[in-house]
Amino acid sequence: MLKATSQQNINKTSNSQNSKIATFTGMLSITMWALFVCFVANLKNIPTYEMMVILYFFGFVTCATINTIKGSWSNILKHPKHIFIIGIFATFFKDLLYIQALKDAPEIHVELIIHLWPMMAIISSGIFLKEKLKFKHIIGCIIAFYGVYILLTFGQGFAGLEKQYILGYIYTFIAAVFWTAYIVVSRNYGKLITEMFAIYFAIDLLLSSILHINYEDTVVPTFSEIVLLLIMGISLRSLANFGWDFAIKKGNYQLLSILSHSNTVISVCALAFLGFAELTIYVLISTILITSAGLIACIDWQQFLAKTYLKRVTLKKFYSRRRA
């Protein structure tokens, strides 16, 4: 009996440790994704398709290696064709439009616009997957879009919109639409498909190579640029996906869902710290609104308020007993 109890305690401790490690891994993935914009900002002299070729090459090698180690290549053929198609085109066009947008508009504007996709995914899931849309989701969506409106117009209405950046803004919004489509289709499919990224990157590598050869002149990257591209391809484009997969399976899912909305804050702070953006009042307001929108939409407010109320009642009883 004692041995069984002892073994149960060991298992609980082990599970707790694994959960903490998984949650921390998820936090690292969030941070890596948030820093992607800073890497691209340092590589603007590299042609867009060429950058994608290098990123997809490193990404494919990394994902293929992980698939081989895990023995998950056989799982790929189990997925339906539409998962192949949406994954290939969503990753390709999202990256293409996002990277090009960072060259055509201020980085901080692009980064805040692209973070509309979580709210777009929630609304799209309600429309196309018939999932229940709650009042908090609609409010969150309105707040997020208003945050972007404030950012781009400087609070002066559409007259304040800087026309030289409009093309970059359009690219970013379409990139968010592509990623939203991928998220919604993947959610409807209902399975984690990290092993598929090796295939996505292989096809995307081929597409970007063809476009680069036909439409761009090759620019030989410097040593520091190669290092940045290597880090991006291995970690930000590959390991982050597998880390997130592990995190949501084994870690604290609710905490990670909330922390994922800190992406915006991390990106903005990193851009400002590295000198790629200025923290104007409009940037701060937009960041607060977009981050708050995500939190409003994902938190179970009924449960949160109930717990808060119980804590207050418990504290009142505790202090009343101490005084007595």
Foldseek 3Di string as FASTA:
>chain_A
DVVVVVVVVVVVVVLVVLQVVLQVLLLVLLLLQLCPLVLLLVVLVFDQLRLLLLLLVLQLVQLVVVCVVVVPPVVVVVDDPVLLVLLQVLVLLLSSLLSVLVNQAQSLLLLLLLLLLVLVLLVVCCVPVVDDDDPLSVVLNVLLVVLSQCLQQVPPHPVSHDVSSVSSSVSSNVSSVSVSVSVSVCVVVPDQDLSCSSVSSVVSSVVSVVCCVPPHDGDDDDPVSSVSSSCCSNPNSRVSSVSNVSNCVSYDVLVSQLCSLCSSVSNVVVCVVVVSDDPDPSSVSSSVSNSVSSVSRRDPVVVVVVVVVVVVVVVVVVVVVVVD
